Structures are given as C-alpha cells and as structure tokens.
N, C-alpha and C. Protein backbone atom coordinates (compact mmCIF):
# COMPACT_ATOMS: atom_id res chain seq x y z
N MET A 1 -53.09 -23.55 65.67
CA MET A 1 -52.14 -22.68 66.96
C MET A 1 -51.12 -23.74 67.47
N GLY A 2 -51.53 -25.03 67.67
CA GLY A 2 -50.70 -25.97 68.35
C GLY A 2 -49.46 -26.07 67.19
N SER A 3 -49.63 -26.12 66.01
CA SER A 3 -48.74 -26.50 65.07
C SER A 3 -47.56 -25.29 65.04
N ASP A 4 -48.24 -24.11 65.37
CA ASP A 4 -47.52 -22.85 65.34
C ASP A 4 -46.53 -22.88 66.49
N ILE A 5 -46.87 -23.44 67.66
CA ILE A 5 -46.16 -23.31 68.86
C ILE A 5 -45.17 -24.20 68.53
N HIS A 6 -45.32 -25.36 68.12
CA HIS A 6 -44.27 -26.37 67.74
C HIS A 6 -43.14 -25.88 66.82
N ALA A 7 -43.72 -25.21 65.80
CA ALA A 7 -42.75 -24.60 64.84
C ALA A 7 -41.81 -23.53 65.60
N ILE A 8 -42.55 -22.67 66.52
CA ILE A 8 -41.66 -21.84 67.16
C ILE A 8 -40.56 -22.45 68.03
N ALA A 9 -41.07 -23.49 68.63
CA ALA A 9 -40.09 -24.14 69.57
C ALA A 9 -38.93 -24.83 68.72
N ALA A 10 -39.18 -25.43 67.75
CA ALA A 10 -38.17 -26.14 66.66
C ALA A 10 -37.27 -24.91 66.13
N ILE A 11 -38.05 -23.70 65.68
CA ILE A 11 -37.05 -22.52 65.34
C ILE A 11 -36.11 -22.16 66.16
N GLY A 12 -36.75 -22.02 67.44
CA GLY A 12 -35.90 -21.52 68.64
C GLY A 12 -34.61 -22.41 68.92
N GLY A 13 -35.00 -23.79 68.72
CA GLY A 13 -33.95 -24.69 68.70
C GLY A 13 -32.74 -24.48 67.82
N VAL A 14 -33.21 -24.32 66.73
CA VAL A 14 -32.27 -24.18 65.58
C VAL A 14 -31.45 -22.93 65.71
N LEU A 15 -32.22 -21.65 65.95
CA LEU A 15 -31.59 -20.40 66.15
C LEU A 15 -30.57 -20.54 67.38
N ALA A 16 -30.90 -21.26 68.36
CA ALA A 16 -29.91 -21.31 69.42
C ALA A 16 -28.60 -21.92 69.29
N LEU A 17 -28.72 -23.10 68.39
CA LEU A 17 -27.78 -23.82 67.87
C LEU A 17 -26.65 -22.97 67.05
N GLY A 18 -27.51 -22.05 66.26
CA GLY A 18 -26.75 -21.22 65.31
C GLY A 18 -26.05 -20.27 66.22
N ALA A 19 -26.70 -19.47 67.14
CA ALA A 19 -26.01 -18.49 68.06
C ALA A 19 -24.75 -18.97 68.55
N MET A 20 -24.85 -20.31 69.19
CA MET A 20 -23.84 -20.82 70.01
C MET A 20 -22.73 -21.29 69.01
N SER A 21 -22.82 -21.25 67.58
CA SER A 21 -21.63 -21.85 67.00
C SER A 21 -20.41 -20.69 66.91
N PRO A 22 -19.33 -21.09 66.75
CA PRO A 22 -18.02 -20.03 67.02
C PRO A 22 -18.20 -19.15 65.69
N GLY A 23 -17.90 -17.93 65.94
CA GLY A 23 -17.86 -16.96 64.75
C GLY A 23 -17.18 -15.70 65.13
N GLN A 24 -17.46 -14.58 64.25
CA GLN A 24 -16.96 -13.41 64.40
C GLN A 24 -17.76 -12.82 65.68
N SER A 25 -19.07 -13.12 65.98
CA SER A 25 -19.85 -12.57 67.01
C SER A 25 -19.08 -13.10 68.38
N PHE A 26 -18.96 -14.42 68.39
CA PHE A 26 -18.40 -14.88 69.70
C PHE A 26 -17.05 -14.18 69.98
N ILE A 27 -16.42 -14.11 69.02
CA ILE A 27 -14.93 -13.54 69.25
C ILE A 27 -15.17 -12.14 69.72
N LEU A 28 -15.93 -11.31 69.14
CA LEU A 28 -16.15 -9.97 69.48
C LEU A 28 -16.64 -9.74 71.00
N VAL A 29 -17.71 -10.74 71.28
CA VAL A 29 -18.38 -10.72 72.70
C VAL A 29 -17.31 -10.81 73.55
N ALA A 30 -16.53 -12.12 73.51
CA ALA A 30 -15.39 -12.68 74.34
C ALA A 30 -14.52 -11.64 74.56
N ARG A 31 -14.10 -11.15 73.59
CA ARG A 31 -12.78 -9.98 73.67
C ARG A 31 -13.32 -8.70 74.29
N THR A 32 -14.51 -8.24 74.10
CA THR A 32 -15.00 -6.97 74.82
C THR A 32 -15.15 -7.40 76.36
N ALA A 33 -15.54 -8.72 76.79
CA ALA A 33 -15.66 -9.08 78.03
C ALA A 33 -14.39 -9.14 78.67
N LEU A 34 -13.37 -9.59 77.89
CA LEU A 34 -12.19 -9.87 78.68
C LEU A 34 -11.36 -8.49 78.65
N ALA A 35 -11.36 -7.68 77.81
CA ALA A 35 -10.60 -6.51 77.64
C ALA A 35 -11.19 -5.24 77.95
N ALA A 36 -12.41 -5.06 77.65
CA ALA A 36 -13.13 -3.74 78.16
C ALA A 36 -13.83 -3.66 79.39
N SER A 37 -15.13 -4.17 79.34
CA SER A 37 -15.90 -4.14 80.79
C SER A 37 -17.12 -5.00 80.40
N ARG A 38 -17.92 -5.33 81.60
CA ARG A 38 -18.94 -6.25 81.51
C ARG A 38 -20.14 -5.22 80.91
N ARG A 39 -20.24 -4.04 81.18
CA ARG A 39 -21.19 -3.28 80.52
C ARG A 39 -21.09 -3.11 78.96
N ALA A 40 -19.89 -2.97 78.53
CA ALA A 40 -19.55 -2.94 77.02
C ALA A 40 -19.89 -4.15 76.55
N SER A 41 -19.60 -5.22 77.00
CA SER A 41 -19.99 -6.71 76.60
C SER A 41 -21.33 -6.87 76.49
N LEU A 42 -22.17 -6.24 77.45
CA LEU A 42 -23.52 -6.60 77.44
C LEU A 42 -24.18 -5.58 76.40
N ALA A 43 -23.54 -4.50 76.09
CA ALA A 43 -23.90 -3.51 74.99
C ALA A 43 -23.77 -4.30 73.68
N VAL A 44 -22.58 -4.83 73.68
CA VAL A 44 -22.27 -5.88 72.22
C VAL A 44 -23.35 -6.88 72.07
N SER A 45 -23.69 -7.64 73.16
CA SER A 45 -24.54 -8.69 73.12
C SER A 45 -25.96 -8.22 72.89
N LEU A 46 -26.39 -6.93 73.22
CA LEU A 46 -27.68 -6.19 72.77
C LEU A 46 -27.60 -5.95 71.38
N GLY A 47 -26.42 -5.53 70.75
CA GLY A 47 -26.36 -5.29 69.35
C GLY A 47 -26.56 -6.48 68.59
N MET A 48 -25.90 -7.55 69.06
CA MET A 48 -26.09 -8.91 68.32
C MET A 48 -27.50 -9.38 68.35
N GLY A 49 -28.17 -9.15 69.34
CA GLY A 49 -29.66 -9.59 69.41
C GLY A 49 -30.65 -8.74 68.68
N THR A 50 -30.21 -7.39 68.38
CA THR A 50 -30.76 -6.52 67.49
C THR A 50 -30.58 -6.92 66.03
N GLY A 51 -29.40 -7.18 65.71
CA GLY A 51 -29.13 -7.60 64.50
C GLY A 51 -29.79 -8.84 64.08
N ALA A 52 -29.79 -9.91 64.83
CA ALA A 52 -30.61 -11.23 64.55
C ALA A 52 -32.07 -10.93 64.50
N ALA A 53 -32.76 -9.93 65.34
CA ALA A 53 -34.17 -9.50 65.03
C ALA A 53 -34.50 -8.83 63.69
N ILE A 54 -33.35 -8.22 63.24
CA ILE A 54 -33.43 -7.53 61.89
C ILE A 54 -33.46 -8.74 60.76
N PHE A 55 -32.45 -9.56 60.95
CA PHE A 55 -32.51 -10.57 59.90
C PHE A 55 -33.59 -11.53 59.95
N ALA A 56 -34.28 -11.60 61.14
CA ALA A 56 -35.33 -12.31 61.12
C ALA A 56 -36.63 -11.77 60.56
N LEU A 57 -36.85 -10.37 60.55
CA LEU A 57 -37.70 -9.68 59.95
C LEU A 57 -37.65 -9.63 58.57
N ILE A 58 -36.37 -9.49 58.24
CA ILE A 58 -36.06 -9.42 56.78
C ILE A 58 -36.47 -10.81 56.02
N ALA A 59 -36.39 -11.95 56.73
CA ALA A 59 -36.65 -13.25 56.28
C ALA A 59 -37.97 -13.44 56.19
N LEU A 60 -38.66 -12.90 57.39
CA LEU A 60 -40.21 -13.13 57.26
C LEU A 60 -40.93 -12.13 56.19
N LEU A 61 -40.20 -11.15 55.96
CA LEU A 61 -40.93 -10.13 54.81
C LEU A 61 -40.53 -10.68 53.42
N GLY A 62 -39.70 -11.74 53.31
CA GLY A 62 -39.41 -12.40 52.02
C GLY A 62 -38.15 -11.44 51.27
N LEU A 63 -37.54 -10.50 52.07
CA LEU A 63 -36.70 -9.77 51.47
C LEU A 63 -35.24 -10.56 51.19
N GLN A 64 -35.12 -11.65 51.68
CA GLN A 64 -34.01 -12.58 51.38
C GLN A 64 -34.01 -13.01 49.98
N SER A 65 -35.35 -13.13 49.47
CA SER A 65 -35.39 -13.53 48.00
C SER A 65 -34.88 -12.36 47.06
N LEU A 66 -34.90 -11.04 47.63
CA LEU A 66 -34.52 -10.12 46.75
C LEU A 66 -32.78 -10.15 46.77
N LEU A 67 -32.13 -10.75 47.81
CA LEU A 67 -30.93 -10.93 47.70
C LEU A 67 -30.53 -12.03 46.62
N LEU A 68 -31.38 -13.10 46.55
CA LEU A 68 -30.92 -14.02 45.53
C LEU A 68 -31.41 -13.51 44.24
N ALA A 69 -32.33 -12.90 44.04
CA ALA A 69 -32.88 -12.38 42.68
C ALA A 69 -31.94 -11.19 42.19
N VAL A 70 -31.43 -10.59 43.04
CA VAL A 70 -30.48 -9.42 42.50
C VAL A 70 -29.02 -9.74 42.96
N PRO A 71 -28.34 -10.54 42.24
CA PRO A 71 -26.98 -10.92 42.65
C PRO A 71 -26.07 -9.87 43.02
N TRP A 72 -26.04 -8.73 42.31
CA TRP A 72 -25.07 -7.59 42.59
C TRP A 72 -25.23 -7.05 44.11
N LEU A 73 -26.56 -6.85 44.47
CA LEU A 73 -26.82 -6.52 45.68
C LEU A 73 -26.35 -7.27 46.76
N TYR A 74 -26.58 -8.78 46.51
CA TYR A 74 -26.00 -9.64 47.46
C TYR A 74 -24.47 -9.69 47.52
N GLN A 75 -23.80 -9.34 46.45
CA GLN A 75 -22.45 -9.41 46.15
C GLN A 75 -21.90 -8.13 46.94
N THR A 76 -22.64 -7.11 46.83
CA THR A 76 -22.25 -5.83 47.36
C THR A 76 -22.08 -5.79 48.90
N LEU A 77 -23.39 -6.37 49.40
CA LEU A 77 -23.48 -6.69 50.87
C LEU A 77 -22.33 -7.49 51.58
N LYS A 78 -21.96 -8.55 50.77
CA LYS A 78 -21.10 -9.64 51.04
C LYS A 78 -19.55 -8.74 51.25
N ILE A 79 -19.29 -8.25 50.16
CA ILE A 79 -18.09 -7.43 50.08
C ILE A 79 -17.81 -6.48 51.19
N ALA A 80 -19.02 -5.52 51.32
CA ALA A 80 -19.05 -4.62 52.69
C ALA A 80 -18.94 -5.42 54.01
N GLY A 81 -19.44 -6.65 54.01
CA GLY A 81 -19.35 -7.35 55.46
C GLY A 81 -17.88 -7.97 55.52
N GLY A 82 -17.38 -8.43 54.45
CA GLY A 82 -16.12 -8.99 54.61
C GLY A 82 -15.02 -7.81 55.01
N LEU A 83 -15.26 -6.81 54.18
CA LEU A 83 -14.17 -5.62 54.43
C LEU A 83 -14.26 -5.02 56.12
N TYR A 84 -15.69 -5.01 56.36
CA TYR A 84 -15.78 -4.83 57.87
C TYR A 84 -15.01 -5.69 58.74
N LEU A 85 -15.40 -6.99 58.51
CA LEU A 85 -14.55 -7.86 59.47
C LEU A 85 -13.06 -7.79 59.18
N LEU A 86 -12.51 -7.45 58.01
CA LEU A 86 -11.09 -7.28 57.98
C LEU A 86 -10.50 -6.15 58.65
N TYR A 87 -11.35 -5.10 58.65
CA TYR A 87 -11.26 -3.89 59.34
C TYR A 87 -11.03 -4.23 60.84
N LEU A 88 -11.89 -4.92 61.35
CA LEU A 88 -12.06 -5.26 62.90
C LEU A 88 -10.73 -6.24 63.26
N ALA A 89 -10.26 -7.16 62.15
CA ALA A 89 -9.18 -7.76 62.28
C ALA A 89 -7.86 -6.85 62.50
N PHE A 90 -7.78 -5.96 61.52
CA PHE A 90 -6.71 -4.96 61.52
C PHE A 90 -6.61 -4.30 62.90
N ARG A 91 -7.63 -4.06 63.40
CA ARG A 91 -7.71 -3.03 64.75
C ARG A 91 -7.28 -4.12 65.88
N LEU A 92 -7.60 -5.42 65.73
CA LEU A 92 -7.39 -6.17 66.82
C LEU A 92 -5.71 -6.63 66.59
N LEU A 93 -5.15 -6.93 65.44
CA LEU A 93 -3.61 -7.14 65.17
C LEU A 93 -2.98 -5.89 65.69
N ARG A 94 -3.29 -4.77 65.45
CA ARG A 94 -2.54 -3.61 65.73
C ARG A 94 -2.63 -3.04 67.18
N ALA A 95 -3.40 -3.85 68.02
CA ALA A 95 -3.55 -3.41 69.45
C ALA A 95 -2.35 -3.37 70.27
N ARG A 96 -1.82 -2.50 70.77
CA ARG A 96 -0.65 -2.19 71.62
C ARG A 96 -0.55 -3.15 72.83
N PRO A 97 0.53 -4.06 72.90
CA PRO A 97 0.61 -4.80 74.01
C PRO A 97 0.65 -4.35 75.31
N SER A 98 0.88 -3.08 75.52
CA SER A 98 0.99 -2.47 76.88
C SER A 98 -0.26 -1.72 77.14
N HIS A 99 -1.34 -1.77 76.21
CA HIS A 99 -2.51 -1.08 76.32
C HIS A 99 -3.69 -2.06 76.96
N ALA A 100 -4.08 -1.68 78.01
CA ALA A 100 -4.97 -2.59 78.64
C ALA A 100 -6.41 -2.62 77.98
N MET A 101 -6.69 -1.41 77.65
CA MET A 101 -8.16 -1.31 76.99
C MET A 101 -7.92 -1.17 75.35
N PRO A 102 -8.53 -2.12 74.73
CA PRO A 102 -8.09 -2.29 73.12
C PRO A 102 -8.50 -1.17 72.55
N GLU A 103 -7.64 -0.78 71.37
CA GLU A 103 -8.22 0.21 70.60
C GLU A 103 -9.31 0.05 69.94
N LEU A 104 -9.86 -1.16 69.80
CA LEU A 104 -11.21 -1.41 69.03
C LEU A 104 -12.13 -0.56 69.61
N TYR A 105 -12.10 -0.35 70.83
CA TYR A 105 -13.08 0.38 71.58
C TYR A 105 -13.24 1.81 71.72
N ASP A 106 -11.89 2.31 71.24
CA ASP A 106 -11.76 3.79 71.35
C ASP A 106 -12.91 4.48 70.70
N SER A 107 -13.48 5.58 71.11
CA SER A 107 -14.48 6.11 70.63
C SER A 107 -14.98 7.46 71.40
N PRO A 108 -15.07 8.67 70.60
CA PRO A 108 -15.44 9.72 71.41
C PRO A 108 -16.90 9.79 71.96
N THR A 109 -17.74 8.76 71.59
CA THR A 109 -19.05 8.71 71.99
C THR A 109 -19.04 7.85 73.39
N ALA A 110 -20.24 7.64 73.86
CA ALA A 110 -20.28 6.91 74.97
C ALA A 110 -19.85 5.37 74.75
N PRO A 111 -18.90 4.68 75.49
CA PRO A 111 -18.53 3.29 75.47
C PRO A 111 -19.62 2.52 74.95
N GLN A 112 -20.79 2.51 75.76
CA GLN A 112 -21.87 1.43 75.64
C GLN A 112 -22.44 1.80 74.44
N THR A 113 -22.59 3.11 73.70
CA THR A 113 -23.20 3.11 72.42
C THR A 113 -22.38 2.65 71.44
N HIS A 114 -21.00 2.75 71.53
CA HIS A 114 -20.29 2.41 70.65
C HIS A 114 -20.06 0.96 70.54
N ALA A 115 -20.08 0.21 71.82
CA ALA A 115 -20.06 -1.15 71.89
C ALA A 115 -21.38 -1.63 71.14
N PHE A 116 -22.51 -1.16 71.36
CA PHE A 116 -23.79 -1.58 70.70
C PHE A 116 -23.74 -1.59 69.28
N ARG A 117 -23.23 -0.40 68.72
CA ARG A 117 -23.16 -0.34 67.29
C ARG A 117 -22.12 -1.36 66.69
N LEU A 118 -21.04 -1.53 67.45
CA LEU A 118 -20.05 -2.63 67.13
C LEU A 118 -20.77 -3.96 67.01
N GLY A 119 -21.37 -4.31 68.03
CA GLY A 119 -22.14 -5.62 67.81
C GLY A 119 -23.22 -5.66 66.86
N LEU A 120 -24.00 -4.65 66.54
CA LEU A 120 -25.19 -4.69 65.53
C LEU A 120 -24.26 -4.59 64.07
N LEU A 121 -23.09 -3.89 63.98
CA LEU A 121 -22.73 -3.86 62.52
C LEU A 121 -22.08 -5.47 62.39
N THR A 122 -21.33 -5.98 63.29
CA THR A 122 -20.75 -7.30 63.30
C THR A 122 -21.82 -8.34 62.80
N GLN A 123 -22.85 -8.14 63.43
CA GLN A 123 -23.98 -9.35 63.22
C GLN A 123 -24.44 -9.06 61.93
N LEU A 124 -24.67 -7.74 61.43
CA LEU A 124 -25.18 -7.45 60.02
C LEU A 124 -24.14 -7.56 59.09
N SER A 125 -22.86 -8.01 59.47
CA SER A 125 -21.79 -7.99 58.35
C SER A 125 -21.96 -9.22 57.40
N ASN A 126 -22.75 -10.18 57.68
CA ASN A 126 -22.88 -11.58 57.02
C ASN A 126 -24.30 -11.54 56.60
N PRO A 127 -24.38 -11.17 55.35
CA PRO A 127 -25.82 -11.33 54.72
C PRO A 127 -26.39 -12.83 54.48
N ASN A 128 -25.47 -13.62 54.60
CA ASN A 128 -25.86 -15.23 54.69
C ASN A 128 -26.81 -15.47 55.77
N THR A 129 -26.58 -14.75 56.60
CA THR A 129 -27.61 -15.08 58.00
C THR A 129 -28.97 -14.79 57.50
N ALA A 130 -29.34 -13.82 56.56
CA ALA A 130 -30.72 -13.67 56.32
C ALA A 130 -31.27 -14.88 55.33
N LEU A 131 -30.24 -15.42 54.67
CA LEU A 131 -30.62 -16.63 53.87
C LEU A 131 -30.94 -17.75 54.81
N VAL A 132 -30.28 -17.92 55.71
CA VAL A 132 -30.36 -18.87 56.61
C VAL A 132 -31.64 -18.79 57.44
N PHE A 133 -31.91 -17.59 57.92
CA PHE A 133 -33.20 -17.53 58.58
C PHE A 133 -34.46 -17.80 57.67
N GLY A 134 -34.21 -17.47 56.32
CA GLY A 134 -35.30 -17.73 55.33
C GLY A 134 -35.35 -19.13 55.19
N SER A 135 -34.44 -19.76 55.08
CA SER A 135 -34.51 -21.38 54.86
C SER A 135 -35.12 -21.95 56.12
N VAL A 136 -34.79 -21.73 57.18
CA VAL A 136 -35.17 -22.27 58.52
C VAL A 136 -36.82 -21.84 58.63
N PHE A 137 -37.14 -20.71 58.36
CA PHE A 137 -38.46 -20.17 58.32
C PHE A 137 -39.27 -21.23 57.41
N ALA A 138 -38.72 -21.23 56.16
CA ALA A 138 -39.81 -21.80 54.95
C ALA A 138 -39.79 -23.28 55.34
N ALA A 139 -38.73 -23.86 56.13
CA ALA A 139 -38.76 -25.43 56.40
C ALA A 139 -39.82 -25.83 57.52
N LEU A 140 -39.77 -24.74 58.32
CA LEU A 140 -40.82 -24.96 59.46
C LEU A 140 -41.94 -24.33 59.65
N LEU A 141 -42.22 -23.19 58.86
CA LEU A 141 -43.51 -22.40 59.08
C LEU A 141 -44.49 -22.89 57.96
N ASN A 142 -45.81 -22.77 58.33
CA ASN A 142 -46.67 -22.90 57.16
C ASN A 142 -46.78 -21.64 56.16
N GLN A 143 -47.25 -22.12 54.77
CA GLN A 143 -47.14 -21.12 53.76
C GLN A 143 -47.78 -19.66 54.24
N GLN A 144 -49.03 -20.05 55.05
CA GLN A 144 -49.70 -18.68 55.49
C GLN A 144 -49.11 -18.30 56.88
N ILE A 145 -48.23 -17.37 56.95
CA ILE A 145 -47.69 -16.83 58.33
C ILE A 145 -48.67 -15.94 59.01
N ALA A 146 -49.03 -16.31 60.22
CA ALA A 146 -50.01 -15.68 61.07
C ALA A 146 -49.38 -14.30 61.38
N GLY A 147 -50.10 -13.23 61.39
CA GLY A 147 -49.61 -11.79 61.65
C GLY A 147 -48.76 -11.81 63.01
N TRP A 148 -49.10 -12.61 64.00
CA TRP A 148 -48.42 -12.35 65.18
C TRP A 148 -46.95 -12.98 65.17
N MET A 149 -46.75 -13.78 64.17
CA MET A 149 -45.44 -14.48 64.06
C MET A 149 -44.38 -13.25 63.58
N TYR A 150 -44.72 -12.18 62.87
CA TYR A 150 -43.80 -11.08 62.54
C TYR A 150 -43.45 -10.42 63.56
N VAL A 151 -44.13 -10.43 64.69
CA VAL A 151 -43.39 -9.78 66.07
C VAL A 151 -42.60 -10.99 66.92
N THR A 152 -43.18 -12.16 67.15
CA THR A 152 -42.88 -13.16 67.80
C THR A 152 -41.58 -13.70 67.43
N LEU A 153 -41.40 -13.94 66.02
CA LEU A 153 -40.10 -14.43 65.61
C LEU A 153 -38.85 -13.59 65.73
N PRO A 154 -39.06 -12.29 65.34
CA PRO A 154 -37.79 -11.33 65.58
C PRO A 154 -37.56 -11.28 67.00
N LEU A 155 -38.67 -11.24 67.80
CA LEU A 155 -38.51 -11.13 69.28
C LEU A 155 -37.74 -12.33 69.82
N LEU A 156 -38.01 -13.63 69.19
CA LEU A 156 -37.41 -14.80 69.79
C LEU A 156 -35.98 -14.76 69.22
N ALA A 157 -35.65 -14.30 67.97
CA ALA A 157 -34.33 -14.20 67.71
C ALA A 157 -33.54 -13.24 68.43
N PHE A 158 -34.08 -12.18 68.69
CA PHE A 158 -33.21 -11.24 69.75
C PHE A 158 -33.07 -11.79 71.09
N VAL A 159 -34.02 -12.28 71.54
CA VAL A 159 -33.91 -13.14 72.99
C VAL A 159 -32.72 -14.05 72.95
N ILE A 160 -32.91 -14.82 71.85
CA ILE A 160 -31.88 -16.03 72.01
C ILE A 160 -30.44 -15.62 71.72
N ASP A 161 -30.22 -14.82 70.80
CA ASP A 161 -29.06 -14.03 70.43
C ASP A 161 -28.39 -13.27 71.72
N PHE A 162 -29.24 -12.52 72.35
CA PHE A 162 -28.98 -11.63 73.45
C PHE A 162 -28.53 -12.49 74.72
N LEU A 163 -29.49 -13.48 75.00
CA LEU A 163 -29.25 -14.38 76.26
C LEU A 163 -27.90 -14.99 76.16
N TRP A 164 -27.78 -15.61 75.00
CA TRP A 164 -26.42 -16.44 74.74
C TRP A 164 -25.20 -15.65 74.97
N TYR A 165 -25.15 -14.34 74.32
CA TYR A 165 -23.93 -13.52 74.19
C TYR A 165 -23.80 -12.77 75.67
N ALA A 166 -24.95 -12.57 76.18
CA ALA A 166 -24.83 -12.09 77.52
C ALA A 166 -24.39 -12.95 78.56
N LEU A 167 -24.67 -14.23 78.48
CA LEU A 167 -24.07 -15.34 79.41
C LEU A 167 -22.63 -15.28 78.96
N VAL A 168 -22.15 -15.35 77.83
CA VAL A 168 -20.71 -15.44 77.48
C VAL A 168 -19.96 -13.99 78.14
N ALA A 169 -20.72 -12.99 77.90
CA ALA A 169 -20.02 -11.72 78.59
C ALA A 169 -20.04 -11.95 80.03
N LEU A 170 -21.05 -12.11 80.63
CA LEU A 170 -20.93 -12.39 82.16
C LEU A 170 -20.06 -13.29 82.65
N LEU A 171 -19.76 -14.49 81.96
CA LEU A 171 -18.70 -15.38 82.43
C LEU A 171 -17.37 -14.91 82.25
N LEU A 172 -17.11 -14.24 81.12
CA LEU A 172 -15.69 -13.89 80.81
C LEU A 172 -15.49 -12.47 81.23
N SER A 173 -16.31 -11.80 81.84
CA SER A 173 -15.95 -10.46 82.42
C SER A 173 -15.58 -10.69 83.85
N SER A 174 -15.69 -11.76 84.46
CA SER A 174 -15.16 -11.93 86.00
C SER A 174 -13.87 -11.61 85.91
N ALA A 175 -13.41 -11.48 87.22
CA ALA A 175 -11.96 -11.29 87.69
C ALA A 175 -10.84 -12.33 86.98
N ARG A 176 -11.26 -13.63 87.33
CA ARG A 176 -10.23 -14.63 86.92
C ARG A 176 -9.93 -14.57 85.30
N PRO A 177 -11.05 -14.65 84.56
CA PRO A 177 -10.80 -14.84 82.99
C PRO A 177 -10.02 -13.55 82.56
N ARG A 178 -10.43 -12.36 83.16
CA ARG A 178 -9.75 -11.07 82.78
C ARG A 178 -8.40 -11.03 82.94
N SER A 179 -7.96 -11.55 84.11
CA SER A 179 -6.36 -11.38 84.72
C SER A 179 -5.82 -12.42 83.83
N VAL A 180 -6.26 -13.63 83.36
CA VAL A 180 -5.48 -14.34 82.41
C VAL A 180 -5.57 -13.72 80.91
N TYR A 181 -6.43 -13.10 80.68
CA TYR A 181 -6.43 -12.48 79.40
C TYR A 181 -5.43 -11.53 79.33
N LEU A 182 -5.23 -10.67 80.38
CA LEU A 182 -4.15 -9.48 80.45
C LEU A 182 -2.90 -10.16 80.33
N ARG A 183 -2.82 -11.23 81.03
CA ARG A 183 -1.27 -11.96 81.11
C ARG A 183 -1.14 -12.34 79.59
N PHE A 184 -1.82 -12.67 78.88
CA PHE A 184 -1.47 -13.34 77.46
C PHE A 184 -2.22 -12.26 76.39
N LYS A 185 -2.40 -11.24 76.56
CA LYS A 185 -3.17 -10.19 75.91
C LYS A 185 -2.63 -10.25 74.41
N THR A 186 -1.40 -9.94 74.12
CA THR A 186 -0.73 -10.08 72.75
C THR A 186 -1.05 -11.30 72.00
N GLY A 187 -1.15 -12.45 72.47
CA GLY A 187 -1.05 -13.57 71.73
C GLY A 187 -2.64 -13.89 71.49
N PHE A 188 -3.53 -13.66 72.35
CA PHE A 188 -5.06 -13.60 72.35
C PHE A 188 -5.49 -12.58 71.25
N ASP A 189 -4.99 -11.51 71.22
CA ASP A 189 -5.38 -10.60 70.21
C ASP A 189 -4.85 -11.02 68.84
N ARG A 190 -3.69 -11.48 68.58
CA ARG A 190 -3.24 -12.04 67.45
C ARG A 190 -3.99 -13.20 66.76
N VAL A 191 -4.33 -14.11 67.72
CA VAL A 191 -5.32 -15.27 67.49
C VAL A 191 -6.59 -14.80 66.95
N SER A 192 -7.19 -13.85 67.82
CA SER A 192 -8.39 -13.29 67.35
C SER A 192 -8.42 -12.54 66.17
N GLY A 193 -7.47 -11.65 65.98
CA GLY A 193 -7.27 -10.85 64.76
C GLY A 193 -7.34 -11.84 63.57
N ALA A 194 -6.44 -12.95 63.64
CA ALA A 194 -6.13 -13.81 62.49
C ALA A 194 -7.40 -14.51 62.11
N VAL A 195 -8.17 -14.99 63.25
CA VAL A 195 -9.57 -15.71 62.91
C VAL A 195 -10.41 -14.75 62.45
N MET A 196 -10.59 -13.55 62.77
CA MET A 196 -11.51 -12.57 62.12
C MET A 196 -11.14 -12.46 60.79
N ALA A 197 -9.78 -12.19 60.55
CA ALA A 197 -9.41 -12.05 59.04
C ALA A 197 -9.68 -13.08 58.28
N MET A 198 -9.67 -14.34 58.84
CA MET A 198 -9.93 -15.47 57.91
C MET A 198 -11.67 -15.34 57.73
N LEU A 199 -12.24 -15.09 58.64
CA LEU A 199 -13.76 -15.10 58.46
C LEU A 199 -14.18 -14.13 57.42
N GLY A 200 -13.41 -12.95 57.41
CA GLY A 200 -13.76 -11.85 56.47
C GLY A 200 -13.37 -12.29 54.98
N ILE A 201 -12.05 -12.91 54.86
CA ILE A 201 -11.64 -13.41 53.50
C ILE A 201 -12.51 -14.40 53.00
N ARG A 202 -13.11 -15.33 54.05
CA ARG A 202 -14.08 -16.38 53.79
C ARG A 202 -15.39 -15.85 53.13
N LEU A 203 -15.78 -14.76 53.78
CA LEU A 203 -16.99 -14.16 53.34
C LEU A 203 -16.90 -13.52 51.98
N LEU A 204 -15.63 -12.87 51.77
CA LEU A 204 -15.34 -12.20 50.61
C LEU A 204 -15.20 -13.31 49.36
N LEU A 205 -14.74 -14.41 49.62
CA LEU A 205 -14.49 -15.45 48.52
C LEU A 205 -15.67 -16.49 48.34
N LYS A 206 -16.63 -16.56 49.48
CA LYS A 206 -17.75 -17.43 49.52
C LYS A 206 -18.72 -17.22 48.20
C-alpha cells in the first residue's frame, strides 16, 4: 500500500507538470477566460479534466497498446485531432475585430454546455496523450495494478487538469486581464490562431 501511495504521488507530480506545459488546452482556456466569461472558461476546464480522466482510463485498460498495434487507427485519430485544431485556429483567425464575444463560442445550445464540449474535444484531439499516460503508468506502477487504482488515477488526472485550468480561468477572467485583452483583441486572436494552427500541423506531421 505504501508503494502505491508513493507511485500515486509521483504520477500526480508528472501529470501536474504535463498539465502546466503550454499547448492548445492552455490557449483555449486562456482565450475563453479573456473573451467569453468565467463560467464558460470553468466549463472548458471541466471538459479538459474529463478528457484527462478518459485518457488515464484508456491507459490503465491497456488500450494505448491498441493504438500502437493498429497504426491506421492511431493515424486516423491523429489526423482527426490535427484537423480539429486547424478548425479551431481558423475560427480564431477569422474572429471579427469589433466582436467582443468571439465566434468560437457561438452556439445555439447553452454556452456552458458548448464550452464543456469544446474543452473535452480539444483535450481528446491529441491521441499522443494516451501514450504518454501509458508510459507514465508503466514506469511508476507495479505490474499488478490494484483495482482501486482504476478509479483513483482517472480521478487524479481529472482533479489535476481541472484545478490547473480552473486557476488559469479564474485569474484571467478578472476585470484587468479582460480589459487588456479587449484592447489588443485582434493581435491576441491572430497569435492564438497561429499557434493553434502550428500545433495542428505538428500533430498531423508527427
């Protein structure tokens, strides 16, 4: 039991560092916090956490081995994820300068529901994450994984991702950062769109 606790602590540290590394998830949460609302950005964060939990469960069930064993499936998921990121980049780049609420969040459904789905799909857009989770678990867990780990580790992944992005959302959705964003909205959107496009292309070519 003691070794399991140490393994969970080590896994938590690795996952926290991974969550904090800049990428499409950070861009999406930051822009939602600045341009939409605190509620929407927290919903995106919830989607990110849910996606992380799904990847953790996939890794625990050994399904990441399926991605490695069936190259066409892995390539299909990568292409779909890359195209989705390019779609988000296109929406960012075409956002109208005079439009305070970005087109990225236009939806006939409830804004929080749409934001959650946006966060979830963005998190799931990169199947490499499942492979990373699998590598971390393989390195730090015993060969015989205790049953309770199948609940604990996905929950841990959810909590870490959600708390990190919720913190980003709370900090950037305050009045001062939002006013700065609105002043430089066009430039910020173009930079965000360009970075998102590069991440999408990188995923397609990797």
